[in-house]
PDB file of N, CA and C in Angstrom:
ATOM      1  N   MET A   1     -20.017 -28.260  21.991  1.00  0.00           N
ATOM      2  CA  MET A   1     -19.228 -27.755  20.860  1.00  0.00           C
ATOM      3  C   MET A   1     -20.005 -27.425  19.679  1.00  0.00           C
ATOM      4  N   ARG A   2     -19.569 -26.197  19.123  1.00  0.00           N
ATOM      5  CA  ARG A   2     -20.320 -25.861  17.967  1.00  0.00           C
ATOM      6  C   ARG A   2     -19.878 -26.690  16.808  1.00  0.00           C
ATOM      7  N   ASN A   3     -20.755 -26.495  15.794  1.00  0.00           N
ATOM      8  CA  ASN A   3     -20.511 -27.116  14.544  1.00  0.00           C
ATOM      9  C   ASN A   3     -19.081 -26.774  13.986  1.00  0.00           C
ATOM     10  N   LEU A   4     -18.476 -28.020  13.560  1.00  0.00           N
ATOM     11  CA  LEU A   4     -17.114 -27.797  13.156  1.00  0.00           C
ATOM     12  C   LEU A   4     -16.907 -26.786  12.217  1.00  0.00           C
ATOM     13  N   VAL A   5     -17.742 -26.680  11.089  1.00  0.00           N
ATOM     14  CA  VAL A   5     -17.676 -25.515  10.116  1.00  0.00           C
ATOM     15  C   VAL A   5     -17.706 -24.196  10.633  1.00  0.00           C
ATOM     16  N   THR A   6     -18.657 -24.073  11.556  1.00  0.00           N
ATOM     17  CA  THR A   6     -18.878 -22.723  12.242  1.00  0.00           C
ATOM     18  C   THR A   6     -17.638 -22.263  13.041  1.00  0.00           C
ATOM     19  N   LEU A   7     -17.081 -23.278  13.710  1.00  0.00           N
ATOM     20  CA  LEU A   7     -15.820 -23.007  14.382  1.00  0.00           C
ATOM     21  C   LEU A   7     -14.646 -22.644  13.719  1.00  0.00           C
ATOM     22  N   SER A   8     -14.539 -23.486  12.524  1.00  0.00           N
ATOM     23  CA  SER A   8     -13.321 -23.180  11.622  1.00  0.00           C
ATOM     24  C   SER A   8     -13.418 -21.779  10.964  1.00  0.00           C
ATOM     25  N   ASP A   9     -14.760 -21.387  10.669  1.00  0.00           N
ATOM     26  CA  ASP A   9     -15.000 -20.065   9.996  1.00  0.00           C
ATOM     27  C   ASP A   9     -14.577 -18.909  11.105  1.00  0.00           C
ATOM     28  N   SER A  10     -15.155 -19.203  12.344  1.00  0.00           N
ATOM     29  CA  SER A  10     -14.809 -18.045  13.428  1.00  0.00           C
ATOM     30  C   SER A  10     -13.266 -18.003  13.581  1.00  0.00           C
ATOM     31  N   ILE A  11     -12.648 -19.283  13.805  1.00  0.00           N
ATOM     32  CA  ILE A  11     -11.153 -19.196  14.078  1.00  0.00           C
ATOM     33  C   ILE A  11     -10.500 -18.741  12.795  1.00  0.00           C
ATOM     34  N   GLY A  12     -10.847 -18.978  11.630  1.00  0.00           N
ATOM     35  CA  GLY A  12     -10.177 -18.379  10.497  1.00  0.00           C
ATOM     36  C   GLY A  12     -10.322 -16.875  10.367  1.00  0.00           C
ATOM     37  N   GLY A  13     -11.438 -16.357  10.809  1.00  0.00           N
ATOM     38  CA  GLY A  13     -11.706 -14.899  10.895  1.00  0.00           C
ATOM     39  C   GLY A  13     -10.776 -14.313  11.923  1.00  0.00           C
ATOM     40  N   ASN A  14     -10.627 -14.820  13.070  1.00  0.00           N
ATOM     41  CA  ASN A  14      -9.797 -14.396  14.036  1.00  0.00           C
ATOM     42  C   ASN A  14      -8.328 -14.345  13.778  1.00  0.00           C
ATOM     43  N   LEU A  15      -7.936 -15.502  13.143  1.00  0.00           N
ATOM     44  CA  LEU A  15      -6.546 -15.612  12.796  1.00  0.00           C
ATOM     45  C   LEU A  15      -6.370 -14.608  11.557  1.00  0.00           C
ATOM     46  N   THR A  16      -7.092 -14.444  10.639  1.00  0.00           N
ATOM     47  CA  THR A  16      -6.865 -13.375   9.561  1.00  0.00           C
ATOM     48  C   THR A  16      -6.732 -12.059  10.203  1.00  0.00           C
ATOM     49  N   GLY A  17      -7.681 -11.725  11.078  1.00  0.00           N
ATOM     50  CA  GLY A  17      -7.549 -10.432  11.761  1.00  0.00           C
ATOM     51  C   GLY A  17      -6.220 -10.311  12.480  1.00  0.00           C
ATOM     52  N   ALA A  18      -5.883 -11.335  13.244  1.00  0.00           N
ATOM     53  CA  ALA A  18      -4.517 -11.250  13.860  1.00  0.00           C
ATOM     54  C   ALA A  18      -3.264 -11.002  12.932  1.00  0.00           C
ATOM     55  N   GLY A  19      -3.493 -11.618  11.802  1.00  0.00           N
ATOM     56  CA  GLY A  19      -2.489 -11.527  10.794  1.00  0.00           C
ATOM     57  C   GLY A  19      -2.392  -9.859  10.235  1.00  0.00           C
ATOM     58  N   PHE A  20      -3.530  -9.419  10.004  1.00  0.00           N
ATOM     59  CA  PHE A  20      -3.595  -8.057   9.646  1.00  0.00           C
ATOM     60  C   PHE A  20      -2.958  -7.184  10.651  1.00  0.00           C
ATOM     61  N   ALA A  21      -3.268  -7.420  12.017  1.00  0.00           N
ATOM     62  CA  ALA A  21      -2.935  -6.491  13.093  1.00  0.00           C
ATOM     63  C   ALA A  21      -1.363  -6.746  13.116  1.00  0.00           C
ATOM     64  N   LEU A  22      -0.748  -7.905  12.979  1.00  0.00           N
ATOM     65  CA  LEU A  22       0.676  -8.044  13.277  1.00  0.00           C
ATOM     66  C   LEU A  22       1.176  -7.383  11.956  1.00  0.00           C
ATOM     67  N   GLU A  23       0.784  -7.458  10.915  1.00  0.00           N
ATOM     68  CA  GLU A  23       1.345  -6.733   9.671  1.00  0.00           C
ATOM     69  C   GLU A  23       1.508  -5.332  10.052  1.00  0.00           C
ATOM     70  N   THR A  24       0.280  -4.692  10.436  1.00  0.00           N
ATOM     71  CA  THR A  24       0.239  -3.364  10.741  1.00  0.00           C
ATOM     72  C   THR A  24       1.325  -2.910  11.917  1.00  0.00           C
ATOM     73  N   ILE A  25       1.553  -3.610  12.864  1.00  0.00           N
ATOM     74  CA  ILE A  25       2.418  -3.334  13.750  1.00  0.00           C
ATOM     75  C   ILE A  25       3.950  -3.541  13.290  1.00  0.00           C
ATOM     76  N   ALA A  26       4.142  -4.565  12.365  1.00  0.00           N
ATOM     77  CA  ALA A  26       5.553  -4.566  11.868  1.00  0.00           C
ATOM     78  C   ALA A  26       5.707  -3.440  10.957  1.00  0.00           C
ATOM     79  N   ASN A  27       4.799  -2.880  10.272  1.00  0.00           N
ATOM     80  CA  ASN A  27       4.999  -1.659   9.455  1.00  0.00           C
ATOM     81  C   ASN A  27       5.150  -0.606  10.282  1.00  0.00           C
ATOM     82  N   LEU A  28       4.495  -0.504  11.276  1.00  0.00           N
ATOM     83  CA  LEU A  28       4.792   0.739  12.169  1.00  0.00           C
ATOM     84  C   LEU A  28       6.296   0.588  12.987  1.00  0.00           C
ATOM     85  N   LEU A  29       6.797  -0.512  12.983  1.00  0.00           N
ATOM     86  CA  LEU A  29       8.197  -0.783  13.587  1.00  0.00           C
ATOM     87  C   LEU A  29       9.177  -0.781  12.458  1.00  0.00           C
ATOM     88  N   GLY A  30       8.719  -0.456  11.127  1.00  0.00           N
ATOM     89  CA  GLY A  30       9.845  -0.094  10.151  1.00  0.00           C
ATOM     90  C   GLY A  30       9.820  -1.047   8.912  1.00  0.00           C
ATOM     91  N   ALA A  31       8.945  -2.045   9.054  1.00  0.00           N
ATOM     92  CA  ALA A  31       8.879  -3.218   7.909  1.00  0.00           C
ATOM     93  C   ALA A  31       8.558  -2.516   6.771  1.00  0.00           C
ATOM     94  N   ASP A  32       7.844  -1.466   6.685  1.00  0.00           N
ATOM     95  CA  ASP A  32       7.427  -0.943   5.434  1.00  0.00           C
ATOM     96  C   ASP A  32       8.452   0.209   4.928  1.00  0.00           C
ATOM     97  N   GLY A  33       9.648   0.375   5.499  1.00  0.00           N
ATOM     98  CA  GLY A  33      10.642   1.194   5.017  1.00  0.00           C
ATOM     99  C   GLY A  33      10.570   2.610   5.365  1.00  0.00           C
ATOM    100  N   CYS A  34       9.621   2.966   6.103  1.00  0.00           N
ATOM    101  CA  CYS A  34       9.352   4.368   6.657  1.00  0.00           C
ATOM    102  C   CYS A  34       9.569   4.550   8.079  1.00  0.00           C
ATOM    103  N   GLU A  35       9.993   5.748   8.235  1.00  0.00           N
ATOM    104  CA  GLU A  35      10.236   6.041   9.825  1.00  0.00           C
ATOM    105  C   GLU A  35       9.105   6.535  10.429  1.00  0.00           C
ATOM    106  N   HIS A  36       8.649   6.015  11.420  1.00  0.00           N
ATOM    107  CA  HIS A  36       7.264   6.426  12.110  1.00  0.00           C
ATOM    108  C   HIS A  36       7.558   7.222  13.328  1.00  0.00           C
ATOM    109  N   PHE A  37       8.670   7.441  13.961  1.00  0.00           N
ATOM    110  CA  PHE A  37       8.858   8.323  15.061  1.00  0.00           C
ATOM    111  C   PHE A  37       7.991   7.996  16.298  1.00  0.00           C
ATOM    112  N   LEU A  38       8.207   6.720  16.779  1.00  0.00           N
ATOM    113  CA  LEU A  38       7.434   6.211  17.812  1.00  0.00           C
ATOM    114  C   LEU A  38       7.793   6.758  19.088  1.00  0.00           C
ATOM    115  N   ASN A  39       6.988   7.211  19.997  1.00  0.00           N
ATOM    116  CA  ASN A  39       7.513   7.613  21.397  1.00  0.00           C
ATOM    117  C   ASN A  39       7.185   6.535  22.185  1.00  0.00           C
ATOM    118  N   LYS A  40       7.468   6.654  23.559  1.00  0.00           N
ATOM    119  CA  LYS A  40       7.226   5.700  24.645  1.00  0.00           C
ATOM    120  C   LYS A  40       5.650   5.302  24.705  1.00  0.00           C
ATOM    121  N   ASP A  41       4.802   6.192  24.531  1.00  0.00           N
ATOM    122  CA  ASP A  41       3.397   5.758  24.596  1.00  0.00           C
ATOM    123  C   ASP A  41       2.983   5.014  23.415  1.00  0.00           C
ATOM    124  N   HIS A  42       3.544   5.399  22.183  1.00  0.00           N
ATOM    125  CA  HIS A  42       3.313   4.383  21.072  1.00  0.00           C
ATOM    126  C   HIS A  42       3.802   2.924  21.271  1.00  0.00           C
ATOM    127  N   ILE A  43       4.968   2.930  21.667  1.00  0.00           N
ATOM    128  CA  ILE A  43       5.602   1.627  21.951  1.00  0.00           C
ATOM    129  C   ILE A  43       4.854   0.768  23.130  1.00  0.00           C
ATOM    130  N   ASN A  44       4.576   1.445  24.158  1.00  0.00           N
ATOM    131  CA  ASN A  44       3.659   0.845  25.106  1.00  0.00           C
ATOM    132  C   ASN A  44       2.370   0.195  24.481  1.00  0.00           C
ATOM    133  N   GLY A  45       1.573   1.070  23.639  1.00  0.00           N
ATOM    134  CA  GLY A  45       0.393   0.630  22.844  1.00  0.00           C
ATOM    135  C   GLY A  45       0.811  -0.630  22.028  1.00  0.00           C
ATOM    136  N   LEU A  46       1.792  -0.588  21.529  1.00  0.00           N
ATOM    137  CA  LEU A  46       2.271  -1.675  20.526  1.00  0.00           C
ATOM    138  C   LEU A  46       2.284  -2.972  21.346  1.00  0.00           C
ATOM    139  N   VAL A  47       3.058  -2.721  22.445  1.00  0.00           N
ATOM    140  CA  VAL A  47       3.338  -3.921  23.388  1.00  0.00           C
ATOM    141  C   VAL A  47       2.030  -4.568  23.767  1.00  0.00           C
ATOM    142  N   HIS A  48       1.036  -3.722  24.280  1.00  0.00           N
ATOM    143  CA  HIS A  48      -0.281  -4.117  24.702  1.00  0.00           C
ATOM    144  C   HIS A  48      -1.000  -4.738  23.568  1.00  0.00           C
ATOM    145  N   ALA A  49      -0.889  -4.182  22.162  1.00  0.00           N
ATOM    146  CA  ALA A  49      -1.577  -4.816  21.071  1.00  0.00           C
ATOM    147  C   ALA A  49      -0.947  -6.286  20.795  1.00  0.00           C
ATOM    148  N   VAL A  50       0.324  -6.363  20.952  1.00  0.00           N
ATOM    149  CA  VAL A  50       0.997  -7.782  20.466  1.00  0.00           C
ATOM    150  C   VAL A  50       0.357  -8.775  21.647  1.00  0.00           C
ATOM    151  N   LEU A  51       0.402  -8.297  22.980  1.00  0.00           N
ATOM    152  CA  LEU A  51      -0.243  -9.289  23.976  1.00  0.00           C
ATOM    153  C   LEU A  51      -1.455  -9.555  23.788  1.00  0.00           C
ATOM    154  N   THR A  52      -2.470  -8.637  23.350  1.00  0.00           N
ATOM    155  CA  THR A  52      -3.783  -8.984  22.919  1.00  0.00           C
ATOM    156  C   THR A  52      -3.877  -9.964  21.858  1.00  0.00           C
ATOM    157  N   ILE A  53      -3.130  -9.791  20.810  1.00  0.00           N
ATOM    158  CA  ILE A  53      -3.103 -10.674  19.543  1.00  0.00           C
ATOM    159  C   ILE A  53      -2.625 -11.904  20.045  1.00  0.00           C
ATOM    160  N   SER A  54      -1.639 -12.014  20.952  1.00  0.00           N
ATOM    161  CA  SER A  54      -1.306 -13.466  21.335  1.00  0.00           C
ATOM    162  C   SER A  54      -2.311 -14.131  21.981  1.00  0.00           C
ATOM    163  N   VAL A  55      -3.198 -13.526  22.697  1.00  0.00           N
ATOM    164  CA  VAL A  55      -4.398 -14.221  23.426  1.00  0.00           C
ATOM    165  C   VAL A  55      -5.188 -14.840  22.347  1.00  0.00           C
ATOM    166  N   TYR A  56      -5.601 -13.961  21.322  1.00  0.00           N
ATOM    167  CA  TYR A  56      -6.434 -14.356  20.351  1.00  0.00           C
ATOM    168  C   TYR A  56      -5.882 -15.636  19.468  1.00  0.00           C
ATOM    169  N   VAL A  57      -4.462 -15.614  19.306  1.00  0.00           N
ATOM    170  CA  VAL A  57      -3.861 -16.764  18.600  1.00  0.00           C
ATOM    171  C   VAL A  57      -3.804 -18.122  19.488  1.00  0.00           C
ATOM    172  N   LYS A  58      -3.593 -17.736  20.865  1.00  0.00           N
ATOM    173  CA  LYS A  58      -3.488 -19.009  21.609  1.00  0.00           C
ATOM    174  C   LYS A  58      -4.880 -19.670  21.863  1.00  0.00           C
ATOM    175  N   ASP A  59      -5.884 -18.814  21.855  1.00  0.00           N
ATOM    176  CA  ASP A  59      -7.176 -19.146  22.038  1.00  0.00           C
ATOM    177  C   ASP A  59      -7.714 -20.006  20.747  1.00  0.00           C
ATOM    178  N   ALA A  60      -7.374 -19.575  19.611  1.00  0.00           N
ATOM    179  CA  ALA A  60      -7.705 -20.110  18.360  1.00  0.00           C
ATOM    180  C   ALA A  60      -6.979 -21.592  18.304  1.00  0.00           C
ATOM    181  N   GLY A  61      -5.678 -21.498  18.811  1.00  0.00           N
ATOM    182  CA  GLY A  61      -5.068 -22.865  18.949  1.00  0.00           C
ATOM    183  C   GLY A  61      -5.800 -23.985  19.753  1.00  0.00           C
ATOM    184  N   TYR A  62      -6.050 -23.395  21.103  1.00  0.00           N
ATOM    185  CA  TYR A  62      -6.834 -24.301  21.851  1.00  0.00           C
ATOM    186  C   TYR A  62      -8.049 -24.621  21.411  1.00  0.00           C
ATOM    187  N   ASP A  63      -8.847 -23.904  20.770  1.00  0.00           N
ATOM    188  CA  ASP A  63     -10.061 -24.301  20.243  1.00  0.00           C
ATOM    189  C   ASP A  63      -9.894 -25.375  19.096  1.00  0.00           C
ATOM    190  N   LEU A  64      -8.951 -25.262  18.314  1.00  0.00           N
ATOM    191  CA  LEU A  64      -8.634 -26.174  17.293  1.00  0.00           C
ATOM    192  C   LEU A  64      -8.167 -27.493  17.727  1.00  0.00           C
ATOM    193  N   CYS A  65      -7.302 -27.413  18.789  1.00  0.00           N
ATOM    194  CA  CYS A  65      -6.955 -28.781  19.441  1.00  0.00           C
ATOM    195  C   CYS A  65      -8.175 -29.445  20.111  1.00  0.00           C
ATOM    196  N   GLU A  66      -9.098 -28.559  20.752  1.00  0.00           N
ATOM    197  CA  GLU A  66     -10.182 -29.218  21.460  1.00  0.00           C
ATOM    198  C   GLU A  66     -11.121 -29.898  20.232  1.00  0.00           C
ATOM    199  N   ALA A  67     -11.279 -29.262  19.194  1.00  0.00           N
ATOM    200  CA  ALA A  67     -12.125 -29.834  18.165  1.00  0.00           C
ATOM    201  C   ALA A  67     -11.618 -31.016  17.435  1.00  0.00           C
ATOM    202  N   ALA A  68     -10.242 -31.022  17.214  1.00  0.00           N
ATOM    203  CA  ALA A  68      -9.590 -32.146  16.726  1.00  0.00           C
ATOM    204  C   ALA A  68      -9.752 -33.348  17.629  1.00  0.00           C
ATOM    205  N   GLU A  69      -9.606 -33.122  19.056  1.00  0.00           N
ATOM    206  CA  GLU A  69      -9.629 -34.228  20.059  1.00  0.00           C
ATOM    207  C   GLU A  69     -11.096 -34.845  20.052  1.00  0.00           C
ATOM    208  N   ILE A  70     -12.134 -33.913  19.919  1.00  0.00           N
ATOM    209  CA  ILE A  70     -13.600 -34.395  19.867  1.00  0.00           C
ATOM    210  C   ILE A  70     -13.801 -35.025  18.413  1.00  0.00           C
ATOM    211  N   ALA A  71     -13.109 -34.625  17.591  1.00  0.00           N
ATOM    212  CA  ALA A  71     -13.294 -35.343  16.194  1.00  0.00           C
ATOM    213  C   ALA A  71     -12.747 -36.620  16.312  1.00  0.00           C
ATOM    214  N   GLN A  72     -11.608 -36.719  16.801  1.00  0.00           N
ATOM    215  CA  GLN A  72     -10.750 -37.900  16.859  1.00  0.00           C
ATOM    216  C   GLN A  72     -11.609 -39.121  17.744  1.00  0.00           C
ATOM    217  N   GLU A  73     -12.340 -38.547  18.746  1.00  0.00           N
ATOM    218  CA  GLU A  73     -13.162 -39.452  19.445  1.00  0.00           C
ATOM    219  C   GLU A  73     -14.537 -39.826  18.896  1.00  0.00           C
ATOM    220  N   GLY A  74     -14.713 -39.285  17.630  1.00  0.00           N
ATOM    221  CA  GLY A  74     -16.059 -39.690  16.969  1.00  0.00           C
ATOM    222  C   GLY A  74     -16.988 -38.651  17.253  1.00  0.00           C
ATOM    223  N   GLY A  75     -16.911 -37.424  17.846  1.00  0.00           N
ATOM    224  CA  GLY A  75     -17.891 -36.578  18.233  1.00  0.00           C
ATOM    225  C   GLY A  75     -18.054 -35.447  17.363  1.00  0.00           C
ATOM    226  N   ALA A  76     -17.188 -35.488  16.271  1.00  0.00           N
ATOM    227  CA  ALA A  76     -17.491 -34.297  15.194  1.00  0.00           C
ATOM    228  C   ALA A  76     -18.773 -34.086  14.531  1.00  0.00           C
ATOM    229  N   GLN A  77     -19.289 -32.817  14.441  1.00  0.00           N
ATOM    230  CA  GLN A  77     -20.442 -32.664  13.789  1.00  0.00           C
ATOM    231  C   GLN A  77     -20.313 -32.245  12.311  1.00  0.00           C
TER     232      GLN A  77
END
């Protein structure tokens, strides 16, 4: 297990990136009040982007849970 500070920094960076990506997708879907005229290919791309972001977020959650379990057992660095 990597150092807890390093792990936290890495996960924080990934979650921040995921947040920016989700914000961008929301804006493309109209949250910004603009019409973006998405076609089927654009929507397909957005679906794949959301699926990819979900993997990053789930992995971050798993990593944090694993680090918390190790810390609870007295193995935190």
